[in-house]
C-alpha atoms as a PDB file:
ATOM      1  CA  MET A   1      12.069 -20.955 -22.736  1.00  0.00           C
ATOM      2  CA  LEU A   2       9.972 -21.781 -25.797  1.00  0.00           C
ATOM      3  CA  THR A   3       6.828 -20.488 -24.092  1.00  0.00           C
ATOM      4  CA  LEU A   4       8.296 -16.970 -24.273  1.00  0.00           C
ATOM      5  CA  LEU A   5       8.867 -17.097 -28.049  1.00  0.00           C
ATOM      6  CA  GLY A   6       6.434 -16.560 -30.880  1.00  0.00           C
ATOM      7  CA  ASN A   7       5.225 -19.409 -33.147  1.00  0.00           C
ATOM      8  CA  ARG A   8       7.728 -18.489 -35.839  1.00  0.00           C
ATOM      9  CA  THR A   9      10.671 -18.447 -33.430  1.00  0.00           C
ATOM     10  CA  LYS A  10       9.618 -21.680 -31.778  1.00  0.00           C
ATOM     11  CA  VAL A  11       9.696 -23.528 -35.085  1.00  0.00           C
ATOM     12  CA  ILE A  12      13.088 -22.075 -35.926  1.00  0.00           C
ATOM     13  CA  ALA A  13      14.426 -22.955 -32.426  1.00  0.00           C
ATOM     14  CA  ALA A  14      13.213 -26.580 -32.837  1.00  0.00           C
ATOM     15  CA  TYR A  15      14.858 -26.797 -36.236  1.00  0.00           C
ATOM     16  CA  LEU A  16      18.102 -25.464 -34.829  1.00  0.00           C
ATOM     17  CA  LEU A  17      17.938 -27.841 -31.866  1.00  0.00           C
ATOM     18  CA  ALA A  18      17.537 -30.805 -34.246  1.00  0.00           C
ATOM     19  CA  ALA A  19      20.457 -29.516 -36.339  1.00  0.00           C
ATOM     20  CA  LEU A  20      22.621 -29.056 -33.260  1.00  0.00           C
ATOM     21  CA  GLY A  21      21.768 -32.638 -32.261  1.00  0.00           C
ATOM     22  CA  GLY A  22      23.327 -33.872 -35.498  1.00  0.00           C
ATOM     23  CA  ASN A  23      20.254 -34.042 -37.742  1.00  0.00           C
ATOM     24  CA  THR A  24      21.438 -32.120 -40.832  1.00  0.00           C
ATOM     25  CA  THR A  25      17.970 -32.208 -42.472  1.00  0.00           C
ATOM     26  CA  PRO A  26      15.280 -32.135 -39.821  1.00  0.00           C
ATOM     27  CA  SER A  27      11.845 -33.205 -40.981  1.00  0.00           C
ATOM     28  CA  ALA A  28       8.448 -31.832 -40.031  1.00  0.00           C
ATOM     29  CA  GLU A  29       8.061 -34.753 -37.677  1.00  0.00           C
ATOM     30  CA  ASP A  30      11.347 -33.952 -35.963  1.00  0.00           C
ATOM     31  CA  ILE A  31      10.334 -30.373 -35.414  1.00  0.00           C
ATOM     32  CA  LYS A  32       6.862 -31.357 -34.168  1.00  0.00           C
ATOM     33  CA  SER A  33       8.404 -33.892 -31.792  1.00  0.00           C
ATOM     34  CA  ILE A  34      10.703 -31.297 -30.264  1.00  0.00           C
ATOM     35  CA  LEU A  35       7.911 -28.770 -29.858  1.00  0.00           C
ATOM     36  CA  GLU A  36       5.513 -31.284 -28.373  1.00  0.00           C
ATOM     37  CA  SER A  37       8.200 -32.486 -25.944  1.00  0.00           C
ATOM     38  CA  VAL A  38       8.068 -29.038 -24.232  1.00  0.00           C
ATOM     39  CA  GLY A  39       4.333 -28.637 -24.449  1.00  0.00           C
ATOM     40  CA  ALA A  40       4.401 -26.095 -27.266  1.00  0.00           C
ATOM     41  CA  GLU A  41       1.642 -25.864 -29.892  1.00  0.00           C
ATOM     42  CA  VAL A  42       2.702 -26.876 -33.404  1.00  0.00           C
ATOM     43  CA  ASP A  43       1.773 -24.557 -36.280  1.00  0.00           C
ATOM     44  CA  GLU A  44       2.100 -26.988 -39.172  1.00  0.00           C
ATOM     45  CA  ASP A  45       1.934 -24.175 -41.761  1.00  0.00           C
ATOM     46  CA  ARG A  46       4.969 -22.496 -40.174  1.00  0.00           C
ATOM     47  CA  VAL A  47       6.800 -25.803 -40.014  1.00  0.00           C
ATOM     48  CA  GLU A  48       6.207 -26.483 -43.698  1.00  0.00           C
ATOM     49  CA  PHE A  49       7.093 -22.951 -44.635  1.00  0.00           C
ATOM     50  CA  LEU A  50      10.445 -23.110 -42.801  1.00  0.00           C
ATOM     51  CA  LEU A  51      11.279 -26.463 -44.336  1.00  0.00           C
ATOM     52  CA  SER A  52      10.454 -25.260 -47.820  1.00  0.00           C
ATOM     53  CA  GLU A  53      12.645 -22.179 -47.328  1.00  0.00           C
ATOM     54  CA  LEU A  54      15.584 -24.211 -46.063  1.00  0.00           C
ATOM     55  CA  LYS A  55      15.279 -27.144 -48.506  1.00  0.00           C
ATOM     56  CA  GLY A  56      18.555 -27.782 -50.229  1.00  0.00           C
ATOM     57  CA  LYS A  57      20.354 -24.951 -48.331  1.00  0.00           C
ATOM     58  CA  ASP A  58      23.297 -25.206 -45.958  1.00  0.00           C
ATOM     59  CA  LEU A  59      22.276 -23.967 -42.526  1.00  0.00           C
ATOM     60  CA  THR A  60      25.619 -22.298 -41.903  1.00  0.00           C
ATOM     61  CA  GLU A  61      25.312 -20.292 -45.121  1.00  0.00           C
ATOM     62  CA  VAL A  62      21.719 -19.237 -44.298  1.00  0.00           C
ATOM     63  CA  ILE A  63      22.891 -18.015 -40.870  1.00  0.00           C
ATOM     64  CA  ALA A  64      25.859 -16.187 -42.370  1.00  0.00           C
ATOM     65  CA  ALA A  65      23.566 -14.480 -44.925  1.00  0.00           C
ATOM     66  CA  GLY A  66      21.227 -13.398 -42.169  1.00  0.00           C
ATOM     67  CA  ARG A  67      24.042 -11.963 -40.146  1.00  0.00           C
ATOM     68  CA  GLU A  68      25.182  -9.940 -43.130  1.00  0.00           C
ATOM     69  CA  LYS A  69      21.633  -8.513 -43.505  1.00  0.00           C
ATOM     70  CA  PHE A  70      21.539  -7.575 -39.812  1.00  0.00           C
ATOM     71  CA  ALA A  71      24.955  -5.920 -40.035  1.00  0.00           C
ATOM     72  CA  SER A  72      23.430  -3.264 -42.369  1.00  0.00           C
ATOM     73  CA  VAL A  73      20.518  -2.500 -40.046  1.00  0.00           C
ATOM     74  CA  PRO A  74      21.154   0.564 -37.822  1.00  0.00           C
ATOM     75  CA  THR A  75      20.775  -0.571 -34.199  1.00  0.00           C
ATOM     76  CA  GLY A  76      22.848   1.885 -32.351  1.00  0.00           C
ATOM     77  CA  GLY A  77      25.728  -0.546 -32.177  1.00  0.00           C
ATOM     78  CA  GLY A  78      26.989  -3.877 -33.431  1.00  0.00           C
ATOM     79  CA  VAL A  79      26.067  -5.787 -30.287  1.00  0.00           C
ATOM     80  CA  ALA A  80      22.605  -6.743 -31.539  1.00  0.00           C
ATOM     81  CA  VAL A  81      24.039  -8.678 -34.474  1.00  0.00           C
ATOM     82  CA  ALA A  82      26.206 -10.784 -32.221  1.00  0.00           C
ATOM     83  CA  ALA A  83      23.398 -11.308 -29.754  1.00  0.00           C
ATOM     84  CA  GLY A  84      20.936 -12.267 -32.490  1.00  0.00           C
ATOM     85  CA  GLY A  85      22.634 -15.507 -33.383  1.00  0.00           C
ATOM     86  CA  PRO A  86      21.314 -18.171 -35.696  1.00  0.00           C
ATOM     87  CA  ALA A  87      17.651 -17.929 -34.721  1.00  0.00           C
ATOM     88  CA  ALA A  88      17.615 -14.192 -35.449  1.00  0.00           C
ATOM     89  CA  ALA A  89      19.124 -14.809 -38.899  1.00  0.00           C
ATOM     90  CA  LEU A  90      16.416 -17.310 -39.701  1.00  0.00           C
ATOM     91  CA  VAL A  91      13.666 -15.063 -38.426  1.00  0.00           C
ATOM     92  CA  ALA A  92      14.892 -12.329 -40.731  1.00  0.00           C
ATOM     93  CA  THR A  93      14.962 -14.634 -43.736  1.00  0.00           C
ATOM     94  CA  GLU A  94      11.458 -15.981 -42.991  1.00  0.00           C
ATOM     95  CA  THR A  95      10.004 -12.534 -42.314  1.00  0.00           C
ATOM     96  CA  LYS A  96      11.272 -11.191 -45.574  1.00  0.00           C
ATOM     97  CA  LYS A  97       9.828 -14.085 -47.539  1.00  0.00           C
ATOM     98  CA  GLU A  98       6.511 -13.996 -45.661  1.00  0.00           C
ATOM     99  CA  GLY A  99       5.776 -10.446 -46.601  1.00  0.00           C
ATOM    100  CA  ILE A 100       2.880  -8.192 -45.637  1.00  0.00           C
ATOM    101  CA  GLU A 101       0.146 -10.543 -46.694  1.00  0.00           C
ATOM    102  CA  GLY A 102       1.127 -13.279 -44.208  1.00  0.00           C
ATOM    103  CA  ARG A 103       1.228 -10.754 -41.379  1.00  0.00           C
ATOM    104  CA  ARG A 104      -2.203  -9.368 -42.311  1.00  0.00           C
ATOM    105  CA  GLU A 105      -3.706 -12.892 -42.298  1.00  0.00           C
ATOM    106  CA  ARG A 106      -2.523 -13.255 -38.723  1.00  0.00           C
ATOM    107  CA  GLY A 107      -3.888  -9.778 -37.716  1.00  0.00           C
ATOM    108  CA  VAL A 108      -0.378  -8.272 -37.246  1.00  0.00           C
ATOM    109  CA  ARG A 109       0.021  -4.717 -38.553  1.00  0.00           C
END
């Protein structure tokens, strides 16, 4: 499954897997270990970015805040919010913080 996801989403998914496994504060090494276990490349900058954004925050509160943001986005229906789940909430948070400059560095327009 992780091979279908982008680098950003893979890192978030690995963080969430660690959290679901009972690790309330996954480290960079925890995330790298999970990604490497499925043969995924590790983007250390993304790992560090995610960890810095989540440092000292409650994951449940971050997810709830992301869901609230998605609730205000017109999607043609409310189903997308429910389907997005925790990973979608974290992607929204990271994307907002990353800004245009980060996307330009990666060649994304």
